[in-house]
Amino acid sequence: EHFVGNGIYHAATDLEAQGVAGEPVVVLGGANSAGQASLHLARYASHV
């Protein structure tokens, strides 16, 4: 709970993605939302 909003996110829109641009990120989950988030974040992060 401490890290929610401070590194833990439940959305992967441009707003969140821009905040981690050039940084390594982790996507947690195995359904479509996690898959779409992984592909979108790969455009911004150093690695997903």
ModelCIF file with pLDDT and N, C-alpha, C, O atoms, coordinates in Angstrom:
data_MODEL
#
_entry.id   MODEL 
#
_entity.id                         1 
_entity.type                       polymer 
_entity.pdbx_number_of_molecules   1 
#
_entity_poly.entity_id                      1 
_entity_poly.type                           'polypeptide(L)' 
_entity_poly.nstd_linkage                   no 
_entity_poly.nstd_monomer                   no 
_entity_poly.pdbx_seq_one_letter_code       EHFVGNGIYHAATDLEAQGVAGEPVVVLGGANSAGQASLHLARYASHV 
_entity_poly.pdbx_seq_one_letter_code_can   EHFVGNGIYHAATDLEAQGVAGEPVVVLGGANSAGQASLHLARYASHV 
_entity_poly.pdbx_strand_id                 A 
#
loop_
_entity_poly_seq.entity_id 
_entity_poly_seq.num 
_entity_poly_seq.mon_id 
_entity_poly_seq.hetero 
1 1  GLU n 
1 2  HIS n 
1 3  PHE n 
1 4  VAL n 
1 5  GLY n 
1 6  ASN n 
1 7  GLY n 
1 8  ILE n 
1 9  TYR n 
1 10 HIS n 
1 11 ALA n 
1 12 ALA n 
1 13 THR n 
1 14 ASP n 
1 15 LEU n 
1 16 GLU n 
1 17 ALA n 
1 18 GLN n 
1 19 GLY n 
1 20 VAL n 
1 21 ALA n 
1 22 GLY n 
1 23 GLU n 
1 24 PRO n 
1 25 VAL n 
1 26 VAL n 
1 27 VAL n 
1 28 LEU n 
1 29 GLY n 
1 30 GLY n 
1 31 ALA n 
1 32 ASN n 
1 33 SER n 
1 34 ALA n 
1 35 GLY n 
1 36 GLN n 
1 37 ALA n 
1 38 SER n 
1 39 LEU n 
1 40 HIS n 
1 41 LEU n 
1 42 ALA n 
1 43 ARG n 
1 44 TYR n 
1 45 ALA n 
1 46 SER n 
1 47 HIS n 
1 48 VAL n 
#
_struct_asym.id          A 
_struct_asym.entity_id   1 
#
loop_
_ma_qa_metric.id 
_ma_qa_metric.mode 
_ma_qa_metric.name 
_ma_qa_metric.software_group_id 
_ma_qa_metric.type 
1 global pLDDT . pLDDT 
2 local  pLDDT . pLDDT 
#
_ma_qa_metric_global.metric_id      1 
_ma_qa_metric_global.metric_value   92.96 
_ma_qa_metric_global.model_id       1 
_ma_qa_metric_global.ordinal_id     1 
#
loop_
_ma_qa_metric_local.label_asym_id 
_ma_qa_metric_local.label_comp_id 
_ma_qa_metric_local.label_seq_id 
_ma_qa_metric_local.metric_id 
_ma_qa_metric_local.metric_value 
_ma_qa_metric_local.model_id 
_ma_qa_metric_local.ordinal_id 
A GLU 1  2 93.00 1 1  
A HIS 2  2 92.00 1 2  
A PHE 3  2 94.00 1 3  
A VAL 4  2 92.00 1 4  
A GLY 5  2 88.00 1 5  
A ASN 6  2 90.00 1 6  
A GLY 7  2 94.00 1 7  
A ILE 8  2 95.00 1 8  
A TYR 9  2 93.00 1 9  
A HIS 10 2 90.00 1 10 
A ALA 11 2 88.00 1 11 
A ALA 12 2 89.00 1 12 
A THR 13 2 85.00 1 13 
A ASP 14 2 86.00 1 14 
A LEU 15 2 84.00 1 15 
A GLU 16 2 89.00 1 16 
A ALA 17 2 91.00 1 17 
A GLN 18 2 88.00 1 18 
A GLY 19 2 87.00 1 19 
A VAL 20 2 92.00 1 20 
A ALA 21 2 93.00 1 21 
A GLY 22 2 96.00 1 22 
A GLU 23 2 96.00 1 23 
A PRO 24 2 97.00 1 24 
A VAL 25 2 98.00 1 25 
A VAL 26 2 98.00 1 26 
A VAL 27 2 97.00 1 27 
A LEU 28 2 97.00 1 28 
A GLY 29 2 95.00 1 29 
A GLY 30 2 94.00 1 30 
A ALA 31 2 91.00 1 31 
A ASN 32 2 90.00 1 32 
A SER 33 2 88.00 1 33 
A ALA 34 2 93.00 1 34 
A GLY 35 2 95.00 1 35 
A GLN 36 2 92.00 1 36 
A ALA 37 2 93.00 1 37 
A SER 38 2 96.00 1 38 
A LEU 39 2 96.00 1 39 
A HIS 40 2 94.00 1 40 
A LEU 41 2 96.00 1 41 
A ALA 42 2 97.00 1 42 
A ARG 43 2 95.00 1 43 
A TYR 44 2 96.00 1 44 
A ALA 45 2 97.00 1 45 
A SER 46 2 97.00 1 46 
A HIS 47 2 97.00 1 47 
A VAL 48 2 98.00 1 48 
#
loop_
_atom_site.group_PDB 
_atom_site.id 
_atom_site.type_symbol 
_atom_site.label_atom_id 
_atom_site.label_alt_id 
_atom_site.label_comp_id 
_atom_site.label_asym_id 
_atom_site.label_entity_id 
_atom_site.label_seq_id 
_atom_site.pdbx_PDB_ins_code 
_atom_site.Cartn_x 
_atom_site.Cartn_y 
_atom_site.Cartn_z 
_atom_site.occupancy 
_atom_site.B_iso_or_equiv 
_atom_site.pdbx_formal_charge 
_atom_site.auth_seq_id 
_atom_site.auth_comp_id 
_atom_site.auth_asym_id 
_atom_site.auth_atom_id 
_atom_site.pdbx_PDB_model_num 
ATOM 1   N N  . GLU A 1 1  ? 0.827  -1.213  0.000   1.00 93.00 ? 1  GLU A N  1 
ATOM 2   C CA . GLU A 1 1  ? 0.000  0.000   0.000   1.00 93.00 ? 1  GLU A CA 1 
ATOM 3   C C  . GLU A 1 1  ? 0.858  1.258   0.000   1.00 93.00 ? 1  GLU A C  1 
ATOM 4   O O  . GLU A 1 1  ? 0.471  2.272   -0.580  1.00 93.00 ? 1  GLU A O  1 
ATOM 5   N N  . HIS A 1 2  ? 2.012  1.200   0.642   1.00 92.00 ? 2  HIS A N  1 
ATOM 6   C CA . HIS A 1 2  ? 2.906  2.355   0.656   1.00 92.00 ? 2  HIS A CA 1 
ATOM 7   C C  . HIS A 1 2  ? 3.341  2.747   -0.749  1.00 92.00 ? 2  HIS A C  1 
ATOM 8   O O  . HIS A 1 2  ? 3.456  3.932   -1.061  1.00 92.00 ? 2  HIS A O  1 
ATOM 9   N N  . PHE A 1 3  ? 3.581  1.756   -1.592  1.00 94.00 ? 3  PHE A N  1 
ATOM 10  C CA . PHE A 1 3  ? 4.106  2.032   -2.932  1.00 94.00 ? 3  PHE A CA 1 
ATOM 11  C C  . PHE A 1 3  ? 3.016  2.272   -3.975  1.00 94.00 ? 3  PHE A C  1 
ATOM 12  O O  . PHE A 1 3  ? 3.336  2.636   -5.106  1.00 94.00 ? 3  PHE A O  1 
ATOM 13  N N  . VAL A 1 4  ? 1.746  2.084   -3.637  1.00 92.00 ? 4  VAL A N  1 
ATOM 14  C CA . VAL A 1 4  ? 0.689  2.354   -4.611  1.00 92.00 ? 4  VAL A CA 1 
ATOM 15  C C  . VAL A 1 4  ? 0.706  3.835   -4.972  1.00 92.00 ? 4  VAL A C  1 
ATOM 16  O O  . VAL A 1 4  ? 0.577  4.695   -4.101  1.00 92.00 ? 4  VAL A O  1 
ATOM 17  N N  . GLY A 1 5  ? 0.861  4.123   -6.237  1.00 88.00 ? 5  GLY A N  1 
ATOM 18  C CA . GLY A 1 5  ? 0.996  5.505   -6.697  1.00 88.00 ? 5  GLY A CA 1 
ATOM 19  C C  . GLY A 1 5  ? 2.416  6.012   -6.626  1.00 88.00 ? 5  GLY A C  1 
ATOM 20  O O  . GLY A 1 5  ? 2.731  7.052   -7.204  1.00 88.00 ? 5  GLY A O  1 
ATOM 21  N N  . ASN A 1 6  ? 3.291  5.290   -5.921  1.00 90.00 ? 6  ASN A N  1 
ATOM 22  C CA . ASN A 1 6  ? 4.700  5.662   -5.793  1.00 90.00 ? 6  ASN A CA 1 
ATOM 23  C C  . ASN A 1 6  ? 5.602  4.567   -6.366  1.00 90.00 ? 6  ASN A C  1 
ATOM 24  O O  . ASN A 1 6  ? 6.702  4.320   -5.871  1.00 90.00 ? 6  ASN A O  1 
ATOM 25  N N  . GLY A 1 7  ? 5.113  3.931   -7.407  1.00 94.00 ? 7  GLY A N  1 
ATOM 26  C CA . GLY A 1 7  ? 5.870  2.862   -8.042  1.00 94.00 ? 7  GLY A CA 1 
ATOM 27  C C  . GLY A 1 7  ? 5.019  1.670   -8.398  1.00 94.00 ? 7  GLY A C  1 
ATOM 28  O O  . GLY A 1 7  ? 5.383  0.882   -9.270  1.00 94.00 ? 7  GLY A O  1 
ATOM 29  N N  . ILE A 1 8  ? 3.867  1.525   -7.720  1.00 95.00 ? 8  ILE A N  1 
ATOM 30  C CA . ILE A 1 8  ? 2.903  0.485   -8.076  1.00 95.00 ? 8  ILE A CA 1 
ATOM 31  C C  . ILE A 1 8  ? 1.703  1.162   -8.727  1.00 95.00 ? 8  ILE A C  1 
ATOM 32  O O  . ILE A 1 8  ? 1.125  2.101   -8.179  1.00 95.00 ? 8  ILE A O  1 
ATOM 33  N N  . TYR A 1 9  ? 1.342  0.666   -9.906  1.00 93.00 ? 9  TYR A N  1 
ATOM 34  C CA . TYR A 1 9  ? 0.259  1.281   -10.674 1.00 93.00 ? 9  TYR A CA 1 
ATOM 35  C C  . TYR A 1 9  ? -0.713 0.210   -11.151 1.00 93.00 ? 9  TYR A C  1 
ATOM 36  O O  . TYR A 1 9  ? -0.346 -0.944  -11.374 1.00 93.00 ? 9  TYR A O  1 
ATOM 37  N N  . HIS A 1 10 ? -1.965 0.632   -11.299 1.00 90.00 ? 10 HIS A N  1 
ATOM 38  C CA . HIS A 1 10 ? -2.994 -0.268  -11.815 1.00 90.00 ? 10 HIS A CA 1 
ATOM 39  C C  . HIS A 1 10 ? -3.474 0.194   -13.181 1.00 90.00 ? 10 HIS A C  1 
ATOM 40  O O  . HIS A 1 10 ? -4.554 -0.200  -13.623 1.00 90.00 ? 10 HIS A O  1 
ATOM 41  N N  . ALA A 1 11 ? -2.700 1.009   -13.843 1.00 88.00 ? 11 ALA A N  1 
ATOM 42  C CA . ALA A 1 11 ? -3.014 1.482   -15.185 1.00 88.00 ? 11 ALA A CA 1 
ATOM 43  C C  . ALA A 1 11 ? -1.706 1.675   -15.939 1.00 88.00 ? 11 ALA A C  1 
ATOM 44  O O  . ALA A 1 11 ? -0.650 1.881   -15.340 1.00 88.00 ? 11 ALA A O  1 
ATOM 45  N N  . ALA A 1 12 ? -1.795 1.605   -17.261 1.00 89.00 ? 12 ALA A N  1 
ATOM 46  C CA . ALA A 1 12 ? -0.593 1.769   -18.082 1.00 89.00 ? 12 ALA A CA 1 
ATOM 47  C C  . ALA A 1 12 ? -0.896 2.689   -19.260 1.00 89.00 ? 12 ALA A C  1 
ATOM 48  O O  . ALA A 1 12 ? -0.589 2.370   -20.408 1.00 89.00 ? 12 ALA A O  1 
ATOM 49  N N  . THR A 1 13 ? -1.504 3.840   -18.954 1.00 85.00 ? 13 THR A N  1 
ATOM 50  C CA . THR A 1 13 ? -1.762 4.834   -19.987 1.00 85.00 ? 13 THR A CA 1 
ATOM 51  C C  . THR A 1 13 ? -0.489 5.637   -20.229 1.00 85.00 ? 13 THR A C  1 
ATOM 52  O O  . THR A 1 13 ? 0.546  5.374   -19.616 1.00 85.00 ? 13 THR A O  1 
ATOM 53  N N  . ASP A 1 14 ? -0.572 6.607   -21.117 1.00 86.00 ? 14 ASP A N  1 
ATOM 54  C CA . ASP A 1 14 ? 0.594  7.440   -21.399 1.00 86.00 ? 14 ASP A CA 1 
ATOM 55  C C  . ASP A 1 14 ? 1.094  8.164   -20.158 1.00 86.00 ? 14 ASP A C  1 
ATOM 56  O O  . ASP A 1 14 ? 2.298  8.368   -20.005 1.00 86.00 ? 14 ASP A O  1 
ATOM 57  N N  . LEU A 1 15 ? 0.175  8.558   -19.262 1.00 84.00 ? 15 LEU A N  1 
ATOM 58  C CA . LEU A 1 15 ? 0.585  9.280   -18.057 1.00 84.00 ? 15 LEU A CA 1 
ATOM 59  C C  . LEU A 1 15 ? 1.552  8.456   -17.221 1.00 84.00 ? 15 LEU A C  1 
ATOM 60  O O  . LEU A 1 15 ? 2.625  8.928   -16.847 1.00 84.00 ? 15 LEU A O  1 
ATOM 61  N N  . GLU A 1 16 ? 1.158  7.208   -16.929 1.00 89.00 ? 16 GLU A N  1 
ATOM 62  C CA . GLU A 1 16 ? 2.018  6.350   -16.122 1.00 89.00 ? 16 GLU A CA 1 
ATOM 63  C C  . GLU A 1 16 ? 3.293  5.972   -16.879 1.00 89.00 ? 16 GLU A C  1 
ATOM 64  O O  . GLU A 1 16 ? 4.377  5.923   -16.298 1.00 89.00 ? 16 GLU A O  1 
ATOM 65  N N  . ALA A 1 17 ? 3.152  5.706   -18.178 1.00 91.00 ? 17 ALA A N  1 
ATOM 66  C CA . ALA A 1 17 ? 4.304  5.283   -18.977 1.00 91.00 ? 17 ALA A CA 1 
ATOM 67  C C  . ALA A 1 17 ? 5.364  6.374   -19.057 1.00 91.00 ? 17 ALA A C  1 
ATOM 68  O O  . ALA A 1 17 ? 6.558  6.083   -19.002 1.00 91.00 ? 17 ALA A O  1 
ATOM 69  N N  . GLN A 1 18 ? 4.938  7.618   -19.185 1.00 88.00 ? 18 GLN A N  1 
ATOM 70  C CA . GLN A 1 18 ? 5.897  8.722   -19.262 1.00 88.00 ? 18 GLN A CA 1 
ATOM 71  C C  . GLN A 1 18 ? 6.677  8.869   -17.963 1.00 88.00 ? 18 GLN A C  1 
ATOM 72  O O  . GLN A 1 18 ? 7.819  9.329   -17.969 1.00 88.00 ? 18 GLN A O  1 
ATOM 73  N N  . GLY A 1 19 ? 6.059  8.478   -16.846 1.00 87.00 ? 19 GLY A N  1 
ATOM 74  C CA . GLY A 1 19 ? 6.732  8.586   -15.557 1.00 87.00 ? 19 GLY A CA 1 
ATOM 75  C C  . GLY A 1 19 ? 7.842  7.574   -15.354 1.00 87.00 ? 19 GLY A C  1 
ATOM 76  O O  . GLY A 1 19 ? 8.662  7.735   -14.450 1.00 87.00 ? 19 GLY A O  1 
ATOM 77  N N  . VAL A 1 20 ? 7.888  6.524   -16.183 1.00 92.00 ? 20 VAL A N  1 
ATOM 78  C CA . VAL A 1 20 ? 8.932  5.500   -16.050 1.00 92.00 ? 20 VAL A CA 1 
ATOM 79  C C  . VAL A 1 20 ? 9.762  5.398   -17.331 1.00 92.00 ? 20 VAL A C  1 
ATOM 80  O O  . VAL A 1 20 ? 10.438 4.395   -17.561 1.00 92.00 ? 20 VAL A O  1 
ATOM 81  N N  . ALA A 1 21 ? 9.707  6.422   -18.146 1.00 93.00 ? 21 ALA A N  1 
ATOM 82  C CA . ALA A 1 21 ? 10.448 6.400   -19.410 1.00 93.00 ? 21 ALA A CA 1 
ATOM 83  C C  . ALA A 1 21 ? 11.935 6.175   -19.161 1.00 93.00 ? 21 ALA A C  1 
ATOM 84  O O  . ALA A 1 21 ? 12.546 6.845   -18.328 1.00 93.00 ? 21 ALA A O  1 
ATOM 85  N N  . GLY A 1 22 ? 12.511 5.215   -19.900 1.00 96.00 ? 22 GLY A N  1 
ATOM 86  C CA . GLY A 1 22 ? 13.927 4.923   -19.778 1.00 96.00 ? 22 GLY A CA 1 
ATOM 87  C C  . GLY A 1 22 ? 14.302 4.095   -18.565 1.00 96.00 ? 22 GLY A C  1 
ATOM 88  O O  . GLY A 1 22 ? 15.487 3.896   -18.297 1.00 96.00 ? 22 GLY A O  1 
ATOM 89  N N  . GLU A 1 23 ? 13.303 3.604   -17.821 1.00 96.00 ? 23 GLU A N  1 
ATOM 90  C CA . GLU A 1 23 ? 13.558 2.832   -16.608 1.00 96.00 ? 23 GLU A CA 1 
ATOM 91  C C  . GLU A 1 23 ? 13.057 1.388   -16.789 1.00 96.00 ? 23 GLU A C  1 
ATOM 92  O O  . GLU A 1 23 ? 12.201 1.141   -17.639 1.00 96.00 ? 23 GLU A O  1 
ATOM 93  N N  . PRO A 1 24 ? 13.578 0.438   -16.005 1.00 97.00 ? 24 PRO A N  1 
ATOM 94  C CA . PRO A 1 24 ? 13.070 -0.938  -16.073 1.00 97.00 ? 24 PRO A CA 1 
ATOM 95  C C  . PRO A 1 24 ? 11.757 -1.057  -15.309 1.00 97.00 ? 24 PRO A C  1 
ATOM 96  O O  . PRO A 1 24 ? 11.614 -0.492  -14.225 1.00 97.00 ? 24 PRO A O  1 
ATOM 97  N N  . VAL A 1 25 ? 10.790 -1.798  -15.876 1.00 98.00 ? 25 VAL A N  1 
ATOM 98  C CA . VAL A 1 25 ? 9.495  -1.959  -15.234 1.00 98.00 ? 25 VAL A CA 1 
ATOM 99  C C  . VAL A 1 25 ? 9.095  -3.432  -15.240 1.00 98.00 ? 25 VAL A C  1 
ATOM 100 O O  . VAL A 1 25 ? 9.638  -4.248  -15.985 1.00 98.00 ? 25 VAL A O  1 
ATOM 101 N N  . VAL A 1 26 ? 8.125  -3.740  -14.382 1.00 98.00 ? 26 VAL A N  1 
ATOM 102 C CA . VAL A 1 26 ? 7.570  -5.096  -14.299 1.00 98.00 ? 26 VAL A CA 1 
ATOM 103 C C  . VAL A 1 26 ? 6.065  -5.009  -14.467 1.00 98.00 ? 26 VAL A C  1 
ATOM 104 O O  . VAL A 1 26 ? 5.416  -4.145  -13.877 1.00 98.00 ? 26 VAL A O  1 
ATOM 105 N N  . VAL A 1 27 ? 5.511  -5.907  -15.271 1.00 97.00 ? 27 VAL A N  1 
ATOM 106 C CA . VAL A 1 27 ? 4.061  -6.037  -15.407 1.00 97.00 ? 27 VAL A CA 1 
ATOM 107 C C  . VAL A 1 27 ? 3.663  -7.352  -14.757 1.00 97.00 ? 27 VAL A C  1 
ATOM 108 O O  . VAL A 1 27 ? 4.248  -8.396  -15.046 1.00 97.00 ? 27 VAL A O  1 
ATOM 109 N N  . LEU A 1 28 ? 2.668  -7.302  -13.880 1.00 97.00 ? 28 LEU A N  1 
ATOM 110 C CA . LEU A 1 28 ? 2.226  -8.481  -13.148 1.00 97.00 ? 28 LEU A CA 1 
ATOM 111 C C  . LEU A 1 28 ? 0.830  -8.876  -13.599 1.00 97.00 ? 28 LEU A C  1 
ATOM 112 O O  . LEU A 1 28 ? -0.111 -8.090  -13.483 1.00 97.00 ? 28 LEU A O  1 
ATOM 113 N N  . GLY A 1 29 ? 0.693  -10.107 -14.121 1.00 95.00 ? 29 GLY A N  1 
ATOM 114 C CA . GLY A 1 29 ? -0.611 -10.584 -14.545 1.00 95.00 ? 29 GLY A CA 1 
ATOM 115 C C  . GLY A 1 29 ? -0.515 -11.416 -15.804 1.00 95.00 ? 29 GLY A C  1 
ATOM 116 O O  . GLY A 1 29 ? 0.471  -11.335 -16.536 1.00 95.00 ? 29 GLY A O  1 
ATOM 117 N N  . GLY A 1 30 ? -1.545 -12.223 -16.061 1.00 94.00 ? 30 GLY A N  1 
ATOM 118 C CA . GLY A 1 30 ? -1.485 -13.114 -17.212 1.00 94.00 ? 30 GLY A CA 1 
ATOM 119 C C  . GLY A 1 30 ? -2.653 -13.005 -18.156 1.00 94.00 ? 30 GLY A C  1 
ATOM 120 O O  . GLY A 1 30 ? -2.806 -13.855 -19.034 1.00 94.00 ? 30 GLY A O  1 
ATOM 121 N N  . ALA A 1 31 ? -3.502 -11.974 -18.010 1.00 91.00 ? 31 ALA A N  1 
ATOM 122 C CA . ALA A 1 31 ? -4.647 -11.801 -18.896 1.00 91.00 ? 31 ALA A CA 1 
ATOM 123 C C  . ALA A 1 31 ? -4.381 -10.690 -19.916 1.00 91.00 ? 31 ALA A C  1 
ATOM 124 O O  . ALA A 1 31 ? -3.278 -10.145 -19.978 1.00 91.00 ? 31 ALA A O  1 
ATOM 125 N N  . ASN A 1 32 ? -5.396 -10.364 -20.709 1.00 90.00 ? 32 ASN A N  1 
ATOM 126 C CA . ASN A 1 32 ? -5.204 -9.404  -21.798 1.00 90.00 ? 32 ASN A CA 1 
ATOM 127 C C  . ASN A 1 32 ? -4.738 -8.032  -21.338 1.00 90.00 ? 32 ASN A C  1 
ATOM 128 O O  . ASN A 1 32 ? -3.925 -7.396  -22.009 1.00 90.00 ? 32 ASN A O  1 
ATOM 129 N N  . SER A 1 33 ? -5.247 -7.567  -20.198 1.00 88.00 ? 33 SER A N  1 
ATOM 130 C CA . SER A 1 33 ? -4.849 -6.236  -19.731 1.00 88.00 ? 33 SER A CA 1 
ATOM 131 C C  . SER A 1 33 ? -3.355 -6.172  -19.474 1.00 88.00 ? 33 SER A C  1 
ATOM 132 O O  . SER A 1 33 ? -2.716 -5.165  -19.777 1.00 88.00 ? 33 SER A O  1 
ATOM 133 N N  . ALA A 1 34 ? -2.793 -7.239  -18.920 1.00 93.00 ? 34 ALA A N  1 
ATOM 134 C CA . ALA A 1 34 ? -1.351 -7.280  -18.672 1.00 93.00 ? 34 ALA A CA 1 
ATOM 135 C C  . ALA A 1 34 ? -0.581 -7.340  -19.993 1.00 93.00 ? 34 ALA A C  1 
ATOM 136 O O  . ALA A 1 34 ? 0.478  -6.727  -20.124 1.00 93.00 ? 34 ALA A O  1 
ATOM 137 N N  . GLY A 1 35 ? -1.108 -8.073  -20.962 1.00 95.00 ? 35 GLY A N  1 
ATOM 138 C CA . GLY A 1 35 ? -0.449 -8.156  -22.257 1.00 95.00 ? 35 GLY A CA 1 
ATOM 139 C C  . GLY A 1 35 ? -0.429 -6.826  -22.981 1.00 95.00 ? 35 GLY A C  1 
ATOM 140 O O  . GLY A 1 35 ? 0.602  -6.427  -23.521 1.00 95.00 ? 35 GLY A O  1 
ATOM 141 N N  . GLN A 1 36 ? -1.566 -6.130  -22.998 1.00 92.00 ? 36 GLN A N  1 
ATOM 142 C CA . GLN A 1 36 ? -1.620 -4.818  -23.640 1.00 92.00 ? 36 GLN A CA 1 
ATOM 143 C C  . GLN A 1 36 ? -0.692 -3.837  -22.937 1.00 92.00 ? 36 GLN A C  1 
ATOM 144 O O  . GLN A 1 36 ? -0.018 -3.039  -23.588 1.00 92.00 ? 36 GLN A O  1 
ATOM 145 N N  . ALA A 1 37 ? -0.656 -3.896  -21.608 1.00 93.00 ? 37 ALA A N  1 
ATOM 146 C CA . ALA A 1 37 ? 0.210  -2.997  -20.849 1.00 93.00 ? 37 ALA A CA 1 
ATOM 147 C C  . ALA A 1 37 ? 1.678  -3.254  -21.179 1.00 93.00 ? 37 ALA A C  1 
ATOM 148 O O  . ALA A 1 37 ? 2.451  -2.306  -21.320 1.00 93.00 ? 37 ALA A O  1 
ATOM 149 N N  . SER A 1 38 ? 2.068  -4.504  -21.302 1.00 96.00 ? 38 SER A N  1 
ATOM 150 C CA . SER A 1 38 ? 3.461  -4.851  -21.601 1.00 96.00 ? 38 SER A CA 1 
ATOM 151 C C  . SER A 1 38 ? 3.889  -4.272  -22.937 1.00 96.00 ? 38 SER A C  1 
ATOM 152 O O  . SER A 1 38 ? 4.969  -3.692  -23.052 1.00 96.00 ? 38 SER A O  1 
ATOM 153 N N  . LEU A 1 39 ? 3.049  -4.430  -23.940 1.00 96.00 ? 39 LEU A N  1 
ATOM 154 C CA . LEU A 1 39 ? 3.379  -3.922  -25.272 1.00 96.00 ? 39 LEU A CA 1 
ATOM 155 C C  . LEU A 1 39 ? 3.439  -2.399  -25.288 1.00 96.00 ? 39 LEU A C  1 
ATOM 156 O O  . LEU A 1 39 ? 4.303  -1.815  -25.942 1.00 96.00 ? 39 LEU A O  1 
ATOM 157 N N  . HIS A 1 40 ? 2.528  -1.761  -24.571 1.00 94.00 ? 40 HIS A N  1 
ATOM 158 C CA . HIS A 1 40 ? 2.520  -0.297  -24.539 1.00 94.00 ? 40 HIS A CA 1 
ATOM 159 C C  . HIS A 1 40 ? 3.734  0.244   -23.782 1.00 94.00 ? 40 HIS A C  1 
ATOM 160 O O  . HIS A 1 40 ? 4.382  1.185   -24.239 1.00 94.00 ? 40 HIS A O  1 
ATOM 161 N N  . LEU A 1 41 ? 4.039  -0.347  -22.633 1.00 96.00 ? 41 LEU A N  1 
ATOM 162 C CA . LEU A 1 41 ? 5.158  0.129   -21.819 1.00 96.00 ? 41 LEU A CA 1 
ATOM 163 C C  . LEU A 1 41 ? 6.502  -0.102  -22.501 1.00 96.00 ? 41 LEU A C  1 
ATOM 164 O O  . LEU A 1 41 ? 7.460  0.622   -22.234 1.00 96.00 ? 41 LEU A O  1 
ATOM 165 N N  . ALA A 1 42 ? 6.584  -1.099  -23.374 1.00 97.00 ? 42 ALA A N  1 
ATOM 166 C CA . ALA A 1 42 ? 7.831  -1.379  -24.072 1.00 97.00 ? 42 ALA A CA 1 
ATOM 167 C C  . ALA A 1 42 ? 8.256  -0.215  -24.951 1.00 97.00 ? 42 ALA A C  1 
ATOM 168 O O  . ALA A 1 42 ? 9.426  -0.106  -25.318 1.00 97.00 ? 42 ALA A O  1 
ATOM 169 N N  . ARG A 1 43 ? 7.316  0.651   -25.289 1.00 95.00 ? 43 ARG A N  1 
ATOM 170 C CA . ARG A 1 43 ? 7.637  1.836   -26.100 1.00 95.00 ? 43 ARG A CA 1 
ATOM 171 C C  . ARG A 1 43 ? 8.334  2.909   -25.271 1.00 95.00 ? 43 ARG A C  1 
ATOM 172 O O  . ARG A 1 43 ? 8.957  3.811   -25.832 1.00 95.00 ? 43 ARG A O  1 
ATOM 173 N N  . TYR A 1 44 ? 8.238  2.827   -23.947 1.00 96.00 ? 44 TYR A N  1 
ATOM 174 C CA . TYR A 1 44 ? 8.775  3.868   -23.068 1.00 96.00 ? 44 TYR A CA 1 
ATOM 175 C C  . TYR A 1 44 ? 9.914  3.367   -22.181 1.00 96.00 ? 44 TYR A C  1 
ATOM 176 O O  . TYR A 1 44 ? 10.948 4.024   -22.060 1.00 96.00 ? 44 TYR A O  1 
ATOM 177 N N  . ALA A 1 45 ? 9.720  2.206   -21.563 1.00 97.00 ? 45 ALA A N  1 
ATOM 178 C CA . ALA A 1 45 ? 10.666 1.711   -20.564 1.00 97.00 ? 45 ALA A CA 1 
ATOM 179 C C  . ALA A 1 45 ? 11.941 1.183   -21.203 1.00 97.00 ? 45 ALA A C  1 
ATOM 180 O O  . ALA A 1 45 ? 11.965 0.865   -22.392 1.00 97.00 ? 45 ALA A O  1 
ATOM 181 N N  . SER A 1 46 ? 13.017 1.089   -20.393 1.00 97.00 ? 46 SER A N  1 
ATOM 182 C CA . SER A 1 46 ? 14.259 0.498   -20.906 1.00 97.00 ? 46 SER A CA 1 
ATOM 183 C C  . SER A 1 46 ? 14.081 -0.993  -21.136 1.00 97.00 ? 46 SER A C  1 
ATOM 184 O O  . SER A 1 46 ? 14.683 -1.556  -22.051 1.00 97.00 ? 46 SER A O  1 
ATOM 185 N N  . HIS A 1 47 ? 13.254 -1.643  -20.309 1.00 97.00 ? 47 HIS A N  1 
ATOM 186 C CA . HIS A 1 47 ? 12.927 -3.052  -20.520 1.00 97.00 ? 47 HIS A CA 1 
ATOM 187 C C  . HIS A 1 47 ? 11.695 -3.400  -19.693 1.00 97.00 ? 47 HIS A C  1 
ATOM 188 O O  . HIS A 1 47 ? 11.465 -2.823  -18.630 1.00 97.00 ? 47 HIS A O  1 
ATOM 189 N N  . VAL A 1 48 ? 10.906 -4.351  -20.193 1.00 98.00 ? 48 VAL A N  1 
ATOM 190 C CA . VAL A 1 48 ? 9.697  -4.798  -19.523 1.00 98.00 ? 48 VAL A CA 1 
ATOM 191 C C  . VAL A 1 48 ? 9.837  -6.272  -19.156 1.00 98.00 ? 48 VAL A C  1 
ATOM 192 O O  . VAL A 1 48 ? 8.920  -6.853  -18.577 1.00 98.00 ? 48 VAL A O  1 
#
